[in-house]
């Protein structure tokens, strides 16, 4: 079981890096997926479901961030932990950080994800420089 879970997370990285979001939705992500990214920036917070995570992935790509898997391993029967390097540049905004992500795999699909950031200030600064917020009141939902 743990080997197939490792392969599932590796498949997620392969799909992300080649822009294959349909396979992620169809074969990798659970329907009730939750993906949490800490921070105080426009991409931070909990994403609910594959569509929100895929939209988040699209924004990562738009920001110029590249994600490289450094190390991955099983943690028990239904968890995978990995270390990755997130790096990129958009205008004057630059980021290069190693981070850790914890995946819970349920019934052969990624169900729950928590990203741990090695340098939260650098990540916040990058995404706040890379993205402009819409002016009020368009930025606010009712």
N, C-alpha and C. Protein backbone atom coordinates (compact mmCIF):
# COMPACT_ATOMS: atom_id res chain seq x y z
N UNK A 1 0.82 -1.20 0.00
CA UNK A 1 0.00 0.00 0.00
C UNK A 1 0.87 1.27 0.00
N UNK A 2 1.90 1.30 0.85
CA UNK A 2 2.70 2.51 0.94
C UNK A 2 3.43 2.81 -0.37
N UNK A 3 3.85 1.78 -1.11
CA UNK A 3 4.51 2.00 -2.41
C UNK A 3 3.53 2.61 -3.42
N UNK A 4 2.31 2.13 -3.43
CA UNK A 4 1.33 2.71 -4.37
C UNK A 4 1.00 4.15 -3.99
N UNK A 5 1.02 4.47 -2.69
CA UNK A 5 0.79 5.85 -2.26
C UNK A 5 1.93 6.75 -2.70
N UNK A 6 3.16 6.27 -2.59
CA UNK A 6 4.31 7.02 -3.09
C UNK A 6 4.17 7.29 -4.59
N UNK A 7 3.80 6.26 -5.31
CA UNK A 7 3.64 6.40 -6.76
C UNK A 7 2.54 7.40 -7.10
N UNK A 8 1.48 7.45 -6.28
CA UNK A 8 0.39 8.40 -6.51
C UNK A 8 0.87 9.84 -6.36
N UNK A 9 1.64 10.12 -5.31
CA UNK A 9 2.16 11.48 -5.11
C UNK A 9 3.17 11.82 -6.21
N UNK A 10 4.00 10.88 -6.59
CA UNK A 10 4.93 11.11 -7.71
C UNK A 10 4.15 11.41 -8.99
N UNK A 11 3.06 10.70 -9.21
CA UNK A 11 2.21 10.94 -10.39
C UNK A 11 1.64 12.36 -10.34
N UNK A 12 1.26 12.82 -9.14
CA UNK A 12 0.74 14.18 -9.01
C UNK A 12 1.79 15.18 -9.47
N UNK A 13 3.05 15.00 -9.05
CA UNK A 13 4.12 15.90 -9.47
C UNK A 13 4.32 15.85 -10.98
N UNK A 14 4.31 14.66 -11.55
CA UNK A 14 4.47 14.53 -13.00
C UNK A 14 3.35 15.26 -13.73
N UNK A 15 2.13 15.07 -13.29
CA UNK A 15 0.98 15.74 -13.93
C UNK A 15 1.09 17.25 -13.80
N UNK A 16 1.44 17.72 -12.60
CA UNK A 16 1.59 19.16 -12.37
C UNK A 16 2.64 19.73 -13.31
N UNK A 17 3.79 19.09 -13.39
CA UNK A 17 4.90 19.62 -14.19
C UNK A 17 4.63 19.60 -15.68
N UNK A 18 3.75 18.73 -16.15
CA UNK A 18 3.42 18.74 -17.58
C UNK A 18 2.07 19.41 -17.86
N UNK A 19 1.43 19.94 -16.81
CA UNK A 19 0.18 20.68 -16.99
C UNK A 19 -1.03 19.79 -17.23
N UNK A 20 -0.98 18.54 -16.81
CA UNK A 20 -2.07 17.59 -17.04
C UNK A 20 -3.05 17.60 -15.86
N UNK A 21 -3.87 18.63 -15.81
CA UNK A 21 -4.80 18.81 -14.70
C UNK A 21 -5.98 17.84 -14.77
N UNK A 22 -6.33 17.40 -15.96
CA UNK A 22 -7.45 16.47 -16.12
C UNK A 22 -7.14 15.13 -15.45
N UNK A 23 -5.91 14.63 -15.62
CA UNK A 23 -5.53 13.38 -14.97
C UNK A 23 -5.52 13.54 -13.46
N UNK A 24 -5.05 14.69 -12.97
CA UNK A 24 -5.10 14.94 -11.52
C UNK A 24 -6.52 14.80 -11.00
N UNK A 25 -7.44 15.45 -11.68
CA UNK A 25 -8.84 15.44 -11.25
C UNK A 25 -9.45 14.04 -11.35
N UNK A 26 -9.14 13.35 -12.42
CA UNK A 26 -9.77 12.06 -12.70
C UNK A 26 -9.14 10.89 -11.93
N UNK A 27 -7.80 10.94 -11.70
CA UNK A 27 -7.11 9.76 -11.19
C UNK A 27 -6.34 9.95 -9.88
N UNK A 28 -6.07 11.19 -9.47
CA UNK A 28 -5.17 11.42 -8.35
C UNK A 28 -5.89 12.00 -7.13
N UNK A 29 -6.74 12.99 -7.33
CA UNK A 29 -7.37 13.69 -6.22
C UNK A 29 -8.70 13.07 -5.82
N UNK A 30 -8.93 12.99 -4.51
CA UNK A 30 -10.22 12.56 -3.99
C UNK A 30 -11.24 13.68 -4.23
N UNK A 31 -12.49 13.29 -4.35
CA UNK A 31 -13.55 14.27 -4.58
C UNK A 31 -13.63 15.30 -3.45
N UNK A 32 -13.39 14.86 -2.22
CA UNK A 32 -13.50 15.75 -1.05
C UNK A 32 -12.12 16.23 -0.56
N UNK A 33 -11.20 16.41 -1.50
CA UNK A 33 -9.84 16.85 -1.21
C UNK A 33 -9.83 18.18 -0.45
N UNK A 34 -8.92 18.27 0.53
CA UNK A 34 -8.60 19.54 1.19
C UNK A 34 -7.10 19.74 1.10
N UNK A 35 -6.68 20.92 0.67
CA UNK A 35 -5.27 21.26 0.49
C UNK A 35 -5.02 22.56 1.24
N UNK A 36 -4.16 22.52 2.26
CA UNK A 36 -3.89 23.69 3.08
C UNK A 36 -2.49 24.23 2.84
N UNK A 37 -2.43 25.53 2.55
CA UNK A 37 -1.17 26.25 2.37
C UNK A 37 -1.16 27.41 3.34
N UNK A 38 -0.21 27.44 4.28
CA UNK A 38 -0.19 28.53 5.26
C UNK A 38 0.29 29.83 4.64
N UNK A 39 0.02 30.92 5.32
CA UNK A 39 0.57 32.19 4.90
C UNK A 39 -0.40 33.33 4.95
N UNK A 40 0.15 34.49 4.62
CA UNK A 40 -0.61 35.74 4.54
C UNK A 40 -0.35 36.33 3.16
N UNK A 41 -0.92 35.67 2.16
CA UNK A 41 -0.75 36.09 0.77
C UNK A 41 -1.96 35.60 -0.02
N UNK A 42 -2.12 36.04 -1.27
CA UNK A 42 -3.33 35.72 -2.03
C UNK A 42 -3.57 34.23 -2.29
N UNK A 43 -2.56 33.39 -2.25
CA UNK A 43 -2.77 31.97 -2.53
C UNK A 43 -2.90 31.12 -1.27
N UNK A 44 -2.75 31.73 -0.10
CA UNK A 44 -2.80 31.00 1.17
C UNK A 44 -4.23 30.56 1.49
N UNK A 45 -4.31 29.56 2.34
CA UNK A 45 -5.61 29.10 2.84
C UNK A 45 -5.92 27.69 2.40
N UNK A 46 -7.12 27.26 2.74
CA UNK A 46 -7.58 25.90 2.42
C UNK A 46 -8.31 25.90 1.09
N UNK A 47 -7.91 24.96 0.25
CA UNK A 47 -8.61 24.74 -1.01
C UNK A 47 -9.48 23.50 -0.82
N UNK A 48 -10.73 23.58 -1.27
CA UNK A 48 -11.68 22.48 -1.11
C UNK A 48 -12.02 21.89 -2.48
N UNK A 49 -11.69 20.64 -2.66
CA UNK A 49 -12.02 19.94 -3.90
C UNK A 49 -10.96 20.12 -4.98
N UNK A 50 -11.02 19.22 -5.94
CA UNK A 50 -10.03 19.20 -7.02
C UNK A 50 -10.04 20.48 -7.84
N UNK A 51 -11.20 21.04 -8.11
CA UNK A 51 -11.26 22.25 -8.94
C UNK A 51 -10.52 23.42 -8.31
N UNK A 52 -10.68 23.60 -6.99
CA UNK A 52 -9.97 24.69 -6.32
C UNK A 52 -8.46 24.43 -6.31
N UNK A 53 -8.05 23.19 -6.09
CA UNK A 53 -6.62 22.87 -6.08
C UNK A 53 -6.03 23.07 -7.47
N UNK A 54 -6.75 22.67 -8.49
CA UNK A 54 -6.28 22.86 -9.87
C UNK A 54 -6.18 24.34 -10.20
N UNK A 55 -7.12 25.15 -9.74
CA UNK A 55 -7.03 26.60 -9.95
C UNK A 55 -5.82 27.17 -9.21
N UNK A 56 -5.55 26.66 -8.01
CA UNK A 56 -4.36 27.05 -7.25
C UNK A 56 -3.10 26.67 -8.02
N UNK A 57 -3.05 25.45 -8.56
CA UNK A 57 -1.90 25.01 -9.36
C UNK A 57 -1.69 25.93 -10.57
N UNK A 58 -2.79 26.35 -11.20
CA UNK A 58 -2.69 27.25 -12.35
C UNK A 58 -2.06 28.58 -11.93
N UNK A 59 -2.42 29.07 -10.74
CA UNK A 59 -1.83 30.31 -10.26
C UNK A 59 -0.35 30.13 -9.91
N UNK A 60 0.01 28.97 -9.37
CA UNK A 60 1.43 28.71 -9.13
C UNK A 60 2.21 28.79 -10.43
N UNK A 61 1.68 28.15 -11.47
CA UNK A 61 2.35 28.17 -12.77
C UNK A 61 2.43 29.59 -13.31
N UNK A 62 1.34 30.35 -13.15
CA UNK A 62 1.30 31.73 -13.63
C UNK A 62 2.33 32.60 -12.92
N UNK A 63 2.60 32.29 -11.66
CA UNK A 63 3.57 33.07 -10.89
C UNK A 63 5.02 32.73 -11.26
N UNK A 64 5.20 31.68 -12.06
CA UNK A 64 6.54 31.27 -12.45
C UNK A 64 7.19 30.29 -11.49
N UNK A 65 6.45 29.85 -10.49
CA UNK A 65 7.00 28.90 -9.52
C UNK A 65 7.21 27.54 -10.18
N UNK A 66 8.36 26.97 -9.94
CA UNK A 66 8.65 25.60 -10.34
C UNK A 66 8.81 24.79 -9.07
N UNK A 67 8.30 23.57 -9.09
CA UNK A 67 8.35 22.72 -7.91
C UNK A 67 9.11 21.44 -8.27
N UNK A 68 10.18 21.19 -7.52
CA UNK A 68 11.01 20.01 -7.77
C UNK A 68 11.00 19.12 -6.53
N UNK A 69 10.66 17.89 -6.72
CA UNK A 69 10.65 16.91 -5.65
C UNK A 69 12.09 16.58 -5.25
N UNK A 70 12.40 16.69 -3.96
CA UNK A 70 13.74 16.39 -3.46
C UNK A 70 13.79 14.99 -2.85
N UNK A 71 12.84 14.70 -1.97
CA UNK A 71 12.80 13.42 -1.27
C UNK A 71 11.35 13.09 -0.94
N UNK A 72 11.00 11.82 -1.07
CA UNK A 72 9.65 11.38 -0.78
C UNK A 72 9.72 10.04 -0.07
N UNK A 73 8.82 9.83 0.89
CA UNK A 73 8.81 8.56 1.61
C UNK A 73 7.43 8.31 2.21
N UNK A 74 7.15 7.05 2.42
CA UNK A 74 5.90 6.66 3.07
C UNK A 74 6.03 6.90 4.57
N UNK A 75 4.92 7.21 5.19
CA UNK A 75 4.85 7.40 6.63
C UNK A 75 3.64 6.62 7.10
N UNK A 76 3.85 5.38 7.47
CA UNK A 76 2.74 4.50 7.80
C UNK A 76 2.08 3.98 6.53
N UNK A 77 0.89 3.44 6.69
CA UNK A 77 0.19 2.82 5.56
C UNK A 77 -0.53 3.79 4.62
N UNK A 78 -0.93 4.96 5.13
CA UNK A 78 -1.74 5.83 4.27
C UNK A 78 -1.28 7.28 4.25
N UNK A 79 -0.01 7.50 4.60
CA UNK A 79 0.54 8.86 4.55
C UNK A 79 1.83 8.87 3.73
N UNK A 80 2.06 9.99 3.08
CA UNK A 80 3.29 10.23 2.34
C UNK A 80 3.79 11.60 2.77
N UNK A 81 5.10 11.70 2.98
CA UNK A 81 5.72 12.97 3.32
C UNK A 81 6.81 13.23 2.30
N UNK A 82 6.89 14.46 1.84
CA UNK A 82 7.93 14.79 0.87
C UNK A 82 8.53 16.15 1.17
N UNK A 83 9.74 16.34 0.66
CA UNK A 83 10.41 17.63 0.69
C UNK A 83 10.55 18.08 -0.76
N UNK A 84 10.22 19.34 -1.02
CA UNK A 84 10.34 19.86 -2.38
C UNK A 84 10.96 21.25 -2.35
N UNK A 85 11.50 21.62 -3.49
CA UNK A 85 12.05 22.97 -3.67
C UNK A 85 11.07 23.74 -4.53
N UNK A 86 10.63 24.87 -4.02
CA UNK A 86 9.79 25.79 -4.78
C UNK A 86 10.62 27.01 -5.12
N UNK A 87 10.74 27.28 -6.40
CA UNK A 87 11.56 28.43 -6.79
C UNK A 87 10.99 29.08 -8.03
N UNK A 88 11.25 30.37 -8.14
CA UNK A 88 10.79 31.09 -9.30
C UNK A 88 11.00 32.58 -9.16
N UNK A 89 10.67 33.28 -10.24
CA UNK A 89 10.79 34.72 -10.25
C UNK A 89 9.68 35.29 -11.12
N UNK A 90 9.07 36.37 -10.63
CA UNK A 90 8.09 37.12 -11.41
C UNK A 90 8.39 38.59 -11.17
N UNK A 91 8.91 39.25 -12.19
CA UNK A 91 9.36 40.63 -12.01
C UNK A 91 10.50 40.66 -11.01
N UNK A 92 10.38 41.52 -10.02
CA UNK A 92 11.40 41.60 -8.98
C UNK A 92 11.19 40.59 -7.86
N UNK A 93 10.06 39.91 -7.87
CA UNK A 93 9.77 38.93 -6.82
C UNK A 93 10.52 37.63 -7.10
N UNK A 94 11.26 37.15 -6.11
CA UNK A 94 12.04 35.91 -6.25
C UNK A 94 11.77 35.02 -5.05
N UNK A 95 11.76 33.71 -5.31
CA UNK A 95 11.59 32.75 -4.23
C UNK A 95 12.46 31.52 -4.51
N UNK A 96 13.07 31.01 -3.47
CA UNK A 96 13.82 29.76 -3.54
C UNK A 96 13.81 29.16 -2.14
N UNK A 97 12.95 28.18 -1.92
CA UNK A 97 12.79 27.62 -0.57
C UNK A 97 12.50 26.13 -0.64
N UNK A 98 13.00 25.41 0.34
CA UNK A 98 12.65 24.00 0.51
C UNK A 98 11.49 23.92 1.49
N UNK A 99 10.50 23.12 1.16
CA UNK A 99 9.30 22.98 1.98
C UNK A 99 8.98 21.50 2.13
N UNK A 100 8.04 21.21 3.00
CA UNK A 100 7.64 19.83 3.27
C UNK A 100 6.12 19.74 3.11
N UNK A 101 5.65 18.64 2.55
CA UNK A 101 4.22 18.44 2.39
C UNK A 101 3.84 17.05 2.90
N UNK A 102 2.71 17.02 3.58
CA UNK A 102 2.18 15.80 4.21
C UNK A 102 0.88 15.44 3.49
N UNK A 103 0.81 14.24 2.92
CA UNK A 103 -0.36 13.78 2.16
C UNK A 103 -1.03 12.63 2.89
N UNK A 104 -2.34 12.67 2.96
CA UNK A 104 -3.13 11.54 3.46
C UNK A 104 -3.83 10.94 2.25
N UNK A 105 -3.56 9.66 2.01
CA UNK A 105 -4.14 8.96 0.87
C UNK A 105 -5.23 8.04 1.39
N UNK A 106 -6.42 8.18 0.81
CA UNK A 106 -7.57 7.36 1.19
C UNK A 106 -8.15 6.73 -0.07
N UNK A 107 -8.30 5.41 -0.05
CA UNK A 107 -8.86 4.67 -1.19
C UNK A 107 -8.15 5.00 -2.50
N UNK A 108 -6.82 5.10 -2.45
CA UNK A 108 -6.04 5.30 -3.66
C UNK A 108 -6.07 6.70 -4.22
N UNK A 109 -6.55 7.69 -3.44
CA UNK A 109 -6.61 9.08 -3.89
C UNK A 109 -6.06 10.00 -2.81
N UNK A 110 -5.47 11.10 -3.22
CA UNK A 110 -5.00 12.10 -2.26
C UNK A 110 -6.22 12.82 -1.70
N UNK A 111 -6.38 12.73 -0.37
CA UNK A 111 -7.57 13.27 0.29
C UNK A 111 -7.29 14.53 1.09
N UNK A 112 -6.11 14.59 1.73
CA UNK A 112 -5.84 15.68 2.65
C UNK A 112 -4.36 16.06 2.53
N UNK A 113 -4.09 17.35 2.38
CA UNK A 113 -2.72 17.81 2.17
C UNK A 113 -2.44 19.00 3.08
N UNK A 114 -1.28 18.96 3.74
CA UNK A 114 -0.81 20.09 4.53
C UNK A 114 0.60 20.43 4.08
N UNK A 115 0.79 21.66 3.63
CA UNK A 115 2.10 22.14 3.23
C UNK A 115 2.72 22.85 4.43
N UNK A 116 4.01 22.58 4.68
CA UNK A 116 4.77 23.25 5.73
C UNK A 116 5.87 24.06 5.04
N UNK A 117 5.93 25.33 5.35
CA UNK A 117 6.83 26.25 4.67
C UNK A 117 8.09 26.48 5.51
N UNK A 118 9.25 26.41 4.87
CA UNK A 118 10.51 26.60 5.60
C UNK A 118 10.78 28.07 5.92
N UNK A 119 10.36 28.97 5.05
CA UNK A 119 10.57 30.41 5.26
C UNK A 119 9.28 31.14 4.89
N UNK A 120 8.35 31.18 5.85
CA UNK A 120 7.03 31.75 5.58
C UNK A 120 7.11 33.21 5.14
N UNK A 121 8.01 33.99 5.73
CA UNK A 121 8.13 35.39 5.35
C UNK A 121 8.52 35.55 3.89
N UNK A 122 9.44 34.71 3.42
CA UNK A 122 9.87 34.79 2.02
C UNK A 122 8.73 34.41 1.07
N UNK A 123 7.96 33.39 1.44
CA UNK A 123 6.83 32.97 0.60
C UNK A 123 5.76 34.06 0.57
N UNK A 124 5.44 34.62 1.73
CA UNK A 124 4.46 35.71 1.78
C UNK A 124 4.91 36.89 0.93
N UNK A 125 6.16 37.27 1.06
CA UNK A 125 6.69 38.39 0.30
C UNK A 125 6.61 38.12 -1.20
N UNK A 126 7.01 36.92 -1.63
CA UNK A 126 6.98 36.59 -3.04
C UNK A 126 5.57 36.71 -3.62
N UNK A 127 4.61 36.02 -2.99
CA UNK A 127 3.25 36.02 -3.56
C UNK A 127 2.57 37.37 -3.44
N UNK A 128 2.89 38.14 -2.40
CA UNK A 128 2.32 39.48 -2.30
C UNK A 128 2.91 40.42 -3.33
N UNK A 129 4.16 40.19 -3.75
CA UNK A 129 4.75 40.98 -4.83
C UNK A 129 4.29 40.49 -6.20
N UNK A 130 4.07 39.19 -6.33
CA UNK A 130 3.74 38.60 -7.63
C UNK A 130 2.28 38.84 -8.02
N UNK A 131 1.40 39.07 -7.04
CA UNK A 131 -0.03 39.23 -7.32
C UNK A 131 -0.53 40.56 -6.79
N UNK A 132 -1.31 41.24 -7.62
CA UNK A 132 -1.98 42.46 -7.19
C UNK A 132 -3.40 42.10 -6.80
N UNK A 133 -3.86 42.67 -5.71
CA UNK A 133 -5.25 42.45 -5.31
C UNK A 133 -6.14 43.41 -6.07
N UNK A 134 -7.36 42.98 -6.37
CA UNK A 134 -8.33 43.85 -7.00
C UNK A 134 -8.70 44.96 -6.02
N UNK A 135 -9.04 46.14 -6.52
CA UNK A 135 -9.44 47.21 -5.61
C UNK A 135 -10.77 46.85 -4.92
N UNK A 136 -10.95 47.41 -3.75
CA UNK A 136 -12.24 47.25 -3.05
C UNK A 136 -13.25 48.04 -3.86
N UNK A 137 -14.45 47.62 -4.12
CA UNK A 137 -15.14 46.49 -3.51
C UNK A 137 -15.06 45.20 -4.32
N UNK A 138 -14.41 45.18 -5.49
CA UNK A 138 -14.35 43.96 -6.29
C UNK A 138 -13.65 42.84 -5.59
N UNK A 139 -12.72 43.13 -4.69
CA UNK A 139 -11.95 42.11 -4.00
C UNK A 139 -12.79 41.37 -2.96
N UNK A 140 -13.86 42.00 -2.48
CA UNK A 140 -14.67 41.43 -1.42
C UNK A 140 -15.86 40.64 -1.99
N UNK A 141 -16.15 39.50 -1.37
CA UNK A 141 -17.34 38.73 -1.74
C UNK A 141 -18.46 39.11 -0.80
N UNK A 142 -19.66 38.92 -1.26
CA UNK A 142 -20.80 39.28 -0.40
C UNK A 142 -21.35 38.07 0.27
